[in-house]
Amino acid sequence: MITLSGVHKTFGTNQVLRGVDLTIDSGTSMVIIGGSGTGKSVLLKCILGLVKHDTGTITLDGQDVTKADRDAFLARFGMLFQGGALFDSLPVWQNVAFRLLRGSLKKPKDQAREIAIEKLRRVGLKPDVADKFPAELSGGMQKRVGLARAIAAEPEIIFFDEPTTGLDPIMAGVINDLIREIVTEMGATAMTITHDMTSVRAIADNIAMLHDGVIKWTGPVSQLDKSGDPYLDQFIHGRAEGPIEAVR
C-alpha cells in the first residue's frame, strides 16, 4: 500500500533521511524502530506530506503522495500522537469526533457524538467520560481517547507515534493489546514508531530498523531475534557496545 524509494530529507546541514527504501503491505502492521533522533518521525511526516522530502518517491496505492488531493488523501489516515495532542478546551467526545464535526467528513452533531461514545466504549472508556475534559483524565485514559479519535472516521491507514510513551508497564500493555485488536478488526494498514521493544513484539507483523538515515534491516517479527544484523541485535538487547555509537 505504501512504498518509499530512495527518500532523502535534509534540514540545513543535517541529513536526516539518506535514501530510505521501504514497502508496507496492505492490511499489515509495520513497526519502525531506531534510536532517538534517527528520523522516524520525519519519515512519518514525509509520508503524510507534512514535511516535503527532497528526493525519492513515496506512493500510496501507486500514486505519488505529493500529487494527491490533500483532503481525500488525509481522509484515509488516522493518527495517534505521541503526546496525546488532545484539545484542552474541548470535551472528550468532541476530541474524538473532531474530524466528524468539520470538513468533508462532517456529520450532524448528534450522530458525531454517538460515534464518539461508541469509539470510547471500544477502547474501554465509559460513556460518562464523553463530557469530561482531557485535564480530568489520567495519562492512560488520555491515550485511549487519542486512540478512539484515531479510529473515529474508520481510516484505512493508522499511524501510531510512540503509543506507550509515559505509561506504566500495565497500561502500556493494555494500549498495545487495544492497538493490535483494533487494527485486526478494521483490517487497517498500520505503521508504528516506537523504541519500546515490548510494543514491537505485541503489535508488529513486520519490523524495519532506521539508523543513520537508511533502513538497516527489515523483516517479519518472527525473525527479530535471529536476524544476524549487528545493528538490530545491539538495539533490541539495549547493549552499549556495538556498531551503534552511544552518545555519552
C-alpha atoms as a PDB file:
ATOM      1  CA  MET A   1       0.000   0.000   0.000  1.00  0.00           C
ATOM      2  CA  ILE A   2       2.819   2.407   0.893  1.00  0.00           C
ATOM      3  CA  THR A   3       6.150   2.396  -0.926  1.00  0.00           C
ATOM      4  CA  LEU A   4       9.190   4.575  -0.285  1.00  0.00           C
ATOM      5  CA  SER A   5      12.067   4.563  -2.748  1.00  0.00           C
ATOM      6  CA  GLY A   6      15.309   6.483  -2.272  1.00  0.00           C
ATOM      7  CA  VAL A   7      13.750   9.034   0.071  1.00  0.00           C
ATOM      8  CA  HIS A   8      16.089  11.797   1.251  1.00  0.00           C
ATOM      9  CA  LYS A   9      15.409  14.690   3.614  1.00  0.00           C
ATOM     10  CA  THR A  10      17.903  17.280   4.809  1.00  0.00           C
ATOM     11  CA  PHE A  11      17.423  20.159   7.219  1.00  0.00           C
ATOM     12  CA  GLY A  12      20.249  22.625   6.638  1.00  0.00           C
ATOM     13  CA  THR A  13      23.416  20.557   7.024  1.00  0.00           C
ATOM     14  CA  ASN A  14      21.640  17.751   8.872  1.00  0.00           C
ATOM     15  CA  GLN A  15      20.990  14.783   6.594  1.00  0.00           C
ATOM     16  CA  VAL A  16      18.126  13.011   8.344  1.00  0.00           C
ATOM     17  CA  LEU A  17      16.978  10.571   5.652  1.00  0.00           C
ATOM     18  CA  ARG A  18      19.660   9.313   3.266  1.00  0.00           C
ATOM     19  CA  GLY A  19      17.856   7.031   0.867  1.00  0.00           C
ATOM     20  CA  VAL A  20      15.052   5.189   2.617  1.00  0.00           C
ATOM     21  CA  ASP A  21      13.567   2.181   0.793  1.00  0.00           C
ATOM     22  CA  LEU A  22      10.547   0.568   2.426  1.00  0.00           C
ATOM     23  CA  THR A  23       7.338  -1.229   1.480  1.00  0.00           C
ATOM     24  CA  ILE A  24       4.303  -1.544   3.750  1.00  0.00           C
ATOM     25  CA  ASP A  25       1.784  -4.114   2.523  1.00  0.00           C
ATOM     26  CA  SER A  26      -1.950  -3.536   2.776  1.00  0.00           C
ATOM     27  CA  GLY A  27      -3.542  -4.838   5.969  1.00  0.00           C
ATOM     28  CA  THR A  28      -0.248  -5.361   7.787  1.00  0.00           C
ATOM     29  CA  SER A  29       1.279  -3.760  10.863  1.00  0.00           C
ATOM     30  CA  MET A  30       4.725  -2.287  10.243  1.00  0.00           C
ATOM     31  CA  VAL A  31       6.785  -1.052  13.194  1.00  0.00           C
ATOM     32  CA  ILE A  32       9.692   1.339  12.635  1.00  0.00           C
ATOM     33  CA  ILE A  33      12.355   1.131  15.332  1.00  0.00           C
ATOM     34  CA  GLY A  34      15.545   3.080  15.900  1.00  0.00           C
ATOM     35  CA  GLY A  35      17.204   5.375  18.382  1.00  0.00           C
ATOM     36  CA  SER A  36      16.079   8.882  19.251  1.00  0.00           C
ATOM     37  CA  GLY A  37      16.881  11.398  16.527  1.00  0.00           C
ATOM     38  CA  THR A  38      17.270   8.830  13.762  1.00  0.00           C
ATOM     39  CA  GLY A  39      14.469  10.303  11.637  1.00  0.00           C
ATOM     40  CA  LYS A  40      11.495   8.077  12.466  1.00  0.00           C
ATOM     41  CA  SER A  41       9.069  10.956  12.974  1.00  0.00           C
ATOM     42  CA  VAL A  42      10.443  12.800   9.932  1.00  0.00           C
ATOM     43  CA  LEU A  43       9.780   9.681   7.860  1.00  0.00           C
ATOM     44  CA  LEU A  44       6.191   9.556   9.079  1.00  0.00           C
ATOM     45  CA  LYS A  45       5.694  13.274   8.326  1.00  0.00           C
ATOM     46  CA  CYS A  46       7.093  12.799   4.834  1.00  0.00           C
ATOM     47  CA  ILE A  47       4.574  10.044   4.121  1.00  0.00           C
ATOM     48  CA  LEU A  48       1.739  12.297   5.309  1.00  0.00           C
ATOM     49  CA  GLY A  49       3.097  15.220   3.309  1.00  0.00           C
ATOM     50  CA  LEU A  50       3.501  17.373   6.418  1.00  0.00           C
ATOM     51  CA  VAL A  51       7.192  17.593   5.502  1.00  0.00           C
ATOM     52  CA  LYS A  52       8.206  17.515   1.841  1.00  0.00           C
ATOM     53  CA  HIS A  53      11.026  15.088   1.117  1.00  0.00           C
ATOM     54  CA  ASP A  54      13.879  16.359  -1.036  1.00  0.00           C
ATOM     55  CA  THR A  55      14.349  13.462  -3.451  1.00  0.00           C
ATOM     56  CA  GLY A  56      12.973   9.976  -3.975  1.00  0.00           C
ATOM     57  CA  THR A  57       9.360   8.850  -4.269  1.00  0.00           C
ATOM     58  CA  ILE A  58       6.609   7.974  -1.800  1.00  0.00           C
ATOM     59  CA  THR A  59       3.496   6.343  -3.191  1.00  0.00           C
ATOM     60  CA  LEU A  60       0.160   5.300  -1.731  1.00  0.00           C
ATOM     61  CA  ASP A  61      -1.573   2.649  -3.834  1.00  0.00           C
ATOM     62  CA  GLY A  62       0.838   3.576  -6.610  1.00  0.00           C
ATOM     63  CA  GLN A  63       0.037   7.301  -6.534  1.00  0.00           C
ATOM     64  CA  ASP A  64       2.730   9.858  -5.721  1.00  0.00           C
ATOM     65  CA  VAL A  65       1.708  11.373  -2.378  1.00  0.00           C
ATOM     66  CA  THR A  66       2.891  14.835  -3.449  1.00  0.00           C
ATOM     67  CA  LYS A  67       0.365  14.840  -6.309  1.00  0.00           C
ATOM     68  CA  ALA A  68      -2.641  13.539  -4.385  1.00  0.00           C
ATOM     69  CA  ASP A  69      -5.664  15.651  -3.490  1.00  0.00           C
ATOM     70  CA  ARG A  70      -4.833  16.625   0.094  1.00  0.00           C
ATOM     71  CA  ASP A  71      -8.309  16.303   1.620  1.00  0.00           C
ATOM     72  CA  ALA A  72      -9.022  12.925   0.028  1.00  0.00           C
ATOM     73  CA  PHE A  73      -5.507  11.714   0.830  1.00  0.00           C
ATOM     74  CA  LEU A  74      -5.542  12.665   4.514  1.00  0.00           C
ATOM     75  CA  ALA A  75      -9.082  11.323   4.951  1.00  0.00           C
ATOM     76  CA  ARG A  76      -7.619   7.834   4.533  1.00  0.00           C
ATOM     77  CA  PHE A  77      -5.411   8.231   7.614  1.00  0.00           C
ATOM     78  CA  GLY A  78      -5.895   8.099  11.368  1.00  0.00           C
ATOM     79  CA  MET A  79      -3.200   9.202  13.807  1.00  0.00           C
ATOM     80  CA  LEU A  80      -2.375   8.534  17.437  1.00  0.00           C
ATOM     81  CA  PHE A  81       0.062  11.236  18.504  1.00  0.00           C
ATOM     82  CA  GLN A  82       2.914  10.700  20.926  1.00  0.00           C
ATOM     83  CA  GLY A  83       1.766  13.260  23.489  1.00  0.00           C
ATOM     84  CA  GLY A  84      -1.944  12.586  23.045  1.00  0.00           C
ATOM     85  CA  ALA A  85      -2.409  16.020  21.423  1.00  0.00           C
ATOM     86  CA  LEU A  86      -5.928  16.404  22.777  1.00  0.00           C
ATOM     87  CA  PHE A  87      -7.587  19.814  22.656  1.00  0.00           C
ATOM     88  CA  ASP A  88      -7.777  21.022  26.261  1.00  0.00           C
ATOM     89  CA  SER A  89     -10.730  23.323  25.614  1.00  0.00           C
ATOM     90  CA  LEU A  90     -12.934  20.622  24.068  1.00  0.00           C
ATOM     91  CA  PRO A  91     -14.770  17.865  25.944  1.00  0.00           C
ATOM     92  CA  VAL A  92     -13.628  14.335  25.260  1.00  0.00           C
ATOM     93  CA  TRP A  93     -16.399  13.458  22.823  1.00  0.00           C
ATOM     94  CA  GLN A  94     -15.600  16.499  20.651  1.00  0.00           C
ATOM     95  CA  ASN A  95     -11.937  15.490  20.651  1.00  0.00           C
ATOM     96  CA  VAL A  96     -12.870  12.014  19.442  1.00  0.00           C
ATOM     97  CA  ALA A  97     -15.318  13.360  16.853  1.00  0.00           C
ATOM     98  CA  PHE A  98     -13.077  16.233  15.747  1.00  0.00           C
ATOM     99  CA  ARG A  99     -12.922  15.148  12.099  1.00  0.00           C
ATOM    100  CA  LEU A 100     -16.608  14.215  12.087  1.00  0.00           C
ATOM    101  CA  LEU A 101     -17.653  17.740  13.034  1.00  0.00           C
ATOM    102  CA  ARG A 102     -15.925  19.538  10.172  1.00  0.00           C
ATOM    103  CA  GLY A 103     -14.666  19.227   6.615  1.00  0.00           C
ATOM    104  CA  SER A 104     -15.646  16.618   4.058  1.00  0.00           C
ATOM    105  CA  LEU A 105     -16.442  14.045   6.763  1.00  0.00           C
ATOM    106  CA  LYS A 106     -18.851  16.353   8.605  1.00  0.00           C
ATOM    107  CA  LYS A 107     -21.846  14.677  10.242  1.00  0.00           C
ATOM    108  CA  PRO A 108     -24.761  16.010  12.325  1.00  0.00           C
ATOM    109  CA  LYS A 109     -23.659  16.798  15.869  1.00  0.00           C
ATOM    110  CA  ASP A 110     -25.866  14.139  17.492  1.00  0.00           C
ATOM    111  CA  GLN A 111     -24.598  11.457  15.126  1.00  0.00           C
ATOM    112  CA  ALA A 112     -20.976  12.502  15.672  1.00  0.00           C
ATOM    113  CA  ARG A 113     -21.474  12.278  19.438  1.00  0.00           C
ATOM    114  CA  GLU A 114     -22.955   8.762  19.138  1.00  0.00           C
ATOM    115  CA  ILE A 115     -19.983   7.610  17.074  1.00  0.00           C
ATOM    116  CA  ALA A 116     -17.582   9.169  19.578  1.00  0.00           C
ATOM    117  CA  ILE A 117     -19.225   7.372  22.516  1.00  0.00           C
ATOM    118  CA  GLU A 118     -19.127   4.086  20.621  1.00  0.00           C
ATOM    119  CA  LYS A 119     -15.416   4.516  19.883  1.00  0.00           C
ATOM    120  CA  LEU A 120     -14.798   5.385  23.541  1.00  0.00           C
ATOM    121  CA  ARG A 121     -16.518   2.144  24.515  1.00  0.00           C
ATOM    122  CA  ARG A 122     -14.291   0.302  22.037  1.00  0.00           C
ATOM    123  CA  VAL A 123     -11.190   1.497  23.874  1.00  0.00           C
ATOM    124  CA  GLY A 124     -12.631   0.626  27.279  1.00  0.00           C
ATOM    125  CA  LEU A 125     -13.971   4.010  28.406  1.00  0.00           C
ATOM    126  CA  LYS A 126     -17.478   4.512  29.787  1.00  0.00           C
ATOM    127  CA  PRO A 127     -19.950   6.990  28.241  1.00  0.00           C
ATOM    128  CA  ASP A 128     -19.663   9.358  31.219  1.00  0.00           C
ATOM    129  CA  VAL A 129     -16.105  10.154  30.093  1.00  0.00           C
ATOM    130  CA  ALA A 130     -17.525  11.827  26.973  1.00  0.00           C
ATOM    131  CA  ASP A 131     -18.373  15.098  28.723  1.00  0.00           C
ATOM    132  CA  LYS A 132     -15.187  15.354  30.764  1.00  0.00           C
ATOM    133  CA  PHE A 133     -12.237  17.474  29.694  1.00  0.00           C
ATOM    134  CA  PRO A 134      -8.790  15.991  28.969  1.00  0.00           C
ATOM    135  CA  ALA A 135      -7.284  17.517  32.122  1.00  0.00           C
ATOM    136  CA  GLU A 136      -9.703  15.430  34.203  1.00  0.00           C
ATOM    137  CA  LEU A 137      -8.304  12.161  32.816  1.00  0.00           C
ATOM    138  CA  SER A 138      -5.240  10.103  33.684  1.00  0.00           C
ATOM    139  CA  GLY A 139      -2.443   9.670  31.157  1.00  0.00           C
ATOM    140  CA  GLY A 140      -3.669   6.204  30.247  1.00  0.00           C
ATOM    141  CA  MET A 141      -7.217   7.443  29.717  1.00  0.00           C
ATOM    142  CA  GLN A 142      -5.966  10.311  27.566  1.00  0.00           C
ATOM    143  CA  LYS A 143      -4.062   7.841  25.423  1.00  0.00           C
ATOM    144  CA  ARG A 144      -7.250   5.785  24.983  1.00  0.00           C
ATOM    145  CA  VAL A 145      -9.135   8.919  23.952  1.00  0.00           C
ATOM    146  CA  GLY A 146      -6.404   9.579  21.394  1.00  0.00           C
ATOM    147  CA  LEU A 147      -6.832   6.045  20.082  1.00  0.00           C
ATOM    148  CA  ALA A 148     -10.603   6.484  19.881  1.00  0.00           C
ATOM    149  CA  ARG A 149     -10.069   9.668  17.871  1.00  0.00           C
ATOM    150  CA  ALA A 150      -7.639   7.873  15.544  1.00  0.00           C
ATOM    151  CA  ILE A 151     -10.278   5.288  14.603  1.00  0.00           C
ATOM    152  CA  ALA A 152     -13.382   7.508  14.716  1.00  0.00           C
ATOM    153  CA  ALA A 153     -13.513   8.073  10.947  1.00  0.00           C
ATOM    154  CA  GLU A 154     -12.801   4.402  10.126  1.00  0.00           C
ATOM    155  CA  PRO A 155      -9.471   5.110   8.395  1.00  0.00           C
ATOM    156  CA  GLU A 156      -7.746   2.659   6.072  1.00  0.00           C
ATOM    157  CA  ILE A 157      -4.311   3.512   7.467  1.00  0.00           C
ATOM    158  CA  ILE A 158      -3.410   4.316  11.076  1.00  0.00           C
ATOM    159  CA  PHE A 159      -0.131   5.792  12.277  1.00  0.00           C
ATOM    160  CA  PHE A 160       0.954   5.403  15.894  1.00  0.00           C
ATOM    161  CA  ASP A 161       3.731   7.683  17.143  1.00  0.00           C
ATOM    162  CA  GLU A 162       5.298   6.234  20.326  1.00  0.00           C
ATOM    163  CA  PRO A 163       1.899   4.933  21.552  1.00  0.00           C
ATOM    164  CA  THR A 164       3.099   3.838  25.021  1.00  0.00           C
ATOM    165  CA  THR A 165       5.346   6.780  25.945  1.00  0.00           C
ATOM    166  CA  GLY A 166       4.767   7.918  29.527  1.00  0.00           C
ATOM    167  CA  LEU A 167       2.623   4.935  30.500  1.00  0.00           C
ATOM    168  CA  ASP A 168       3.306   2.388  33.225  1.00  0.00           C
ATOM    169  CA  PRO A 169       4.009  -1.194  32.035  1.00  0.00           C
ATOM    170  CA  ILE A 170       0.473  -2.428  32.726  1.00  0.00           C
ATOM    171  CA  MET A 171      -1.251   0.434  30.896  1.00  0.00           C
ATOM    172  CA  ALA A 172       1.281   0.151  28.089  1.00  0.00           C
ATOM    173  CA  GLY A 173       0.274  -3.499  27.747  1.00  0.00           C
ATOM    174  CA  VAL A 174      -3.405  -2.525  27.622  1.00  0.00           C
ATOM    175  CA  ILE A 175      -2.739   0.024  24.857  1.00  0.00           C
ATOM    176  CA  ASN A 176      -0.665  -2.488  22.887  1.00  0.00           C
ATOM    177  CA  ASP A 177      -3.470  -5.057  23.094  1.00  0.00           C
ATOM    178  CA  LEU A 178      -6.049  -2.479  22.005  1.00  0.00           C
ATOM    179  CA  ILE A 179      -3.950  -1.406  19.043  1.00  0.00           C
ATOM    180  CA  ARG A 180      -3.484  -4.975  17.893  1.00  0.00           C
ATOM    181  CA  GLU A 181      -7.186  -5.844  18.301  1.00  0.00           C
ATOM    182  CA  ILE A 182      -8.460  -2.706  16.597  1.00  0.00           C
ATOM    183  CA  VAL A 183      -6.068  -2.868  13.638  1.00  0.00           C
ATOM    184  CA  THR A 184      -7.022  -6.520  13.094  1.00  0.00           C
ATOM    185  CA  GLU A 185     -10.764  -5.828  13.398  1.00  0.00           C
ATOM    186  CA  MET A 186     -10.646  -2.893  10.982  1.00  0.00           C
ATOM    187  CA  GLY A 187      -8.340  -4.618   8.524  1.00  0.00           C
ATOM    188  CA  ALA A 188      -6.330  -1.417   8.567  1.00  0.00           C
ATOM    189  CA  THR A 189      -2.758  -0.891   7.474  1.00  0.00           C
ATOM    190  CA  ALA A 190      -0.724   0.277  10.467  1.00  0.00           C
ATOM    191  CA  MET A 191       2.618   1.998  10.879  1.00  0.00           C
ATOM    192  CA  THR A 192       4.030   2.462  14.363  1.00  0.00           C
ATOM    193  CA  ILE A 193       7.088   4.374  15.527  1.00  0.00           C
ATOM    194  CA  THR A 194       8.499   3.137  18.816  1.00  0.00           C
ATOM    195  CA  HIS A 195      11.630   2.172  20.714  1.00  0.00           C
ATOM    196  CA  ASP A 196       9.621   0.105  23.216  1.00  0.00           C
ATOM    197  CA  MET A 197      10.546  -3.473  22.378  1.00  0.00           C
ATOM    198  CA  THR A 198       7.533  -4.826  24.289  1.00  0.00           C
ATOM    199  CA  SER A 199       5.289  -2.844  21.953  1.00  0.00           C
ATOM    200  CA  VAL A 200       7.220  -4.080  18.944  1.00  0.00           C
ATOM    201  CA  ARG A 201       6.634  -7.719  19.807  1.00  0.00           C
ATOM    202  CA  ALA A 202       2.977  -7.102  20.677  1.00  0.00           C
ATOM    203  CA  ILE A 203       1.802  -5.210  17.612  1.00  0.00           C
ATOM    204  CA  ALA A 204       4.192  -5.854  14.703  1.00  0.00           C
ATOM    205  CA  ASP A 205       3.779  -8.100  11.697  1.00  0.00           C
ATOM    206  CA  ASN A 206       6.921  -6.653  10.161  1.00  0.00           C
ATOM    207  CA  ILE A 207       9.755  -4.520  11.503  1.00  0.00           C
ATOM    208  CA  ALA A 208      12.109  -2.022   9.911  1.00  0.00           C
ATOM    209  CA  MET A 209      15.113  -0.543  11.677  1.00  0.00           C
ATOM    210  CA  LEU A 210      16.044   3.010  10.741  1.00  0.00           C
ATOM    211  CA  HIS A 211      19.613   4.045  11.511  1.00  0.00           C
ATOM    212  CA  ASP A 212      21.853   6.723  10.045  1.00  0.00           C
ATOM    213  CA  GLY A 213      19.151   7.734   7.588  1.00  0.00           C
ATOM    214  CA  VAL A 214      18.607   4.329   5.972  1.00  0.00           C
ATOM    215  CA  ILE A 215      16.718   1.123   6.679  1.00  0.00           C
ATOM    216  CA  LYS A 216      19.375  -1.210   8.108  1.00  0.00           C
ATOM    217  CA  TRP A 217      17.104  -4.241   8.365  1.00  0.00           C
ATOM    218  CA  THR A 218      13.543  -5.168   7.628  1.00  0.00           C
ATOM    219  CA  GLY A 219      11.686  -8.431   8.079  1.00  0.00           C
ATOM    220  CA  PRO A 220       8.912 -10.263   9.920  1.00  0.00           C
ATOM    221  CA  VAL A 221       8.745 -10.051  13.709  1.00  0.00           C
ATOM    222  CA  SER A 222       9.416 -13.801  13.858  1.00  0.00           C
ATOM    223  CA  GLN A 223      12.952 -13.106  12.595  1.00  0.00           C
ATOM    224  CA  LEU A 224      13.694 -10.388  15.137  1.00  0.00           C
ATOM    225  CA  ASP A 225      15.891 -12.491  17.415  1.00  0.00           C
ATOM    226  CA  LYS A 226      17.723 -14.326  14.655  1.00  0.00           C
ATOM    227  CA  SER A 227      18.324 -11.609  12.100  1.00  0.00           C
ATOM    228  CA  GLY A 228      22.118 -11.779  12.257  1.00  0.00           C
ATOM    229  CA  ASP A 229      22.205  -7.997  11.826  1.00  0.00           C
ATOM    230  CA  PRO A 230      24.594  -6.371  14.333  1.00  0.00           C
ATOM    231  CA  TYR A 231      22.722  -3.049  14.415  1.00  0.00           C
ATOM    232  CA  LEU A 232      19.364  -4.682  15.115  1.00  0.00           C
ATOM    233  CA  ASP A 233      20.866  -7.112  17.619  1.00  0.00           C
ATOM    234  CA  GLN A 234      22.502  -4.307  19.610  1.00  0.00           C
ATOM    235  CA  PHE A 235      19.335  -2.211  19.581  1.00  0.00           C
ATOM    236  CA  ILE A 236      16.829  -4.857  20.667  1.00  0.00           C
ATOM    237  CA  HIS A 237      19.062  -6.000  23.513  1.00  0.00           C
ATOM    238  CA  GLY A 238      19.993  -2.492  24.617  1.00  0.00           C
ATOM    239  CA  ARG A 239      23.741  -3.080  24.507  1.00  0.00           C
ATOM    240  CA  ALA A 240      26.098  -0.117  24.907  1.00  0.00           C
ATOM    241  CA  GLU A 241      28.776  -1.854  22.832  1.00  0.00           C
ATOM    242  CA  GLY A 242      28.276  -2.396  19.121  1.00  0.00           C
ATOM    243  CA  PRO A 243      28.143  -0.613  15.770  1.00  0.00           C
ATOM    244  CA  ILE A 244      25.657   1.956  17.108  1.00  0.00           C
ATOM    245  CA  GLU A 245      27.627   4.580  18.981  1.00  0.00           C
ATOM    246  CA  ALA A 246      26.051   5.577  22.291  1.00  0.00           C
ATOM    247  CA  VAL A 247      26.022   9.337  22.947  1.00  0.00           C
ATOM    248  CA  ARG A 248      27.960   9.885  26.150  1.00  0.00           C
END
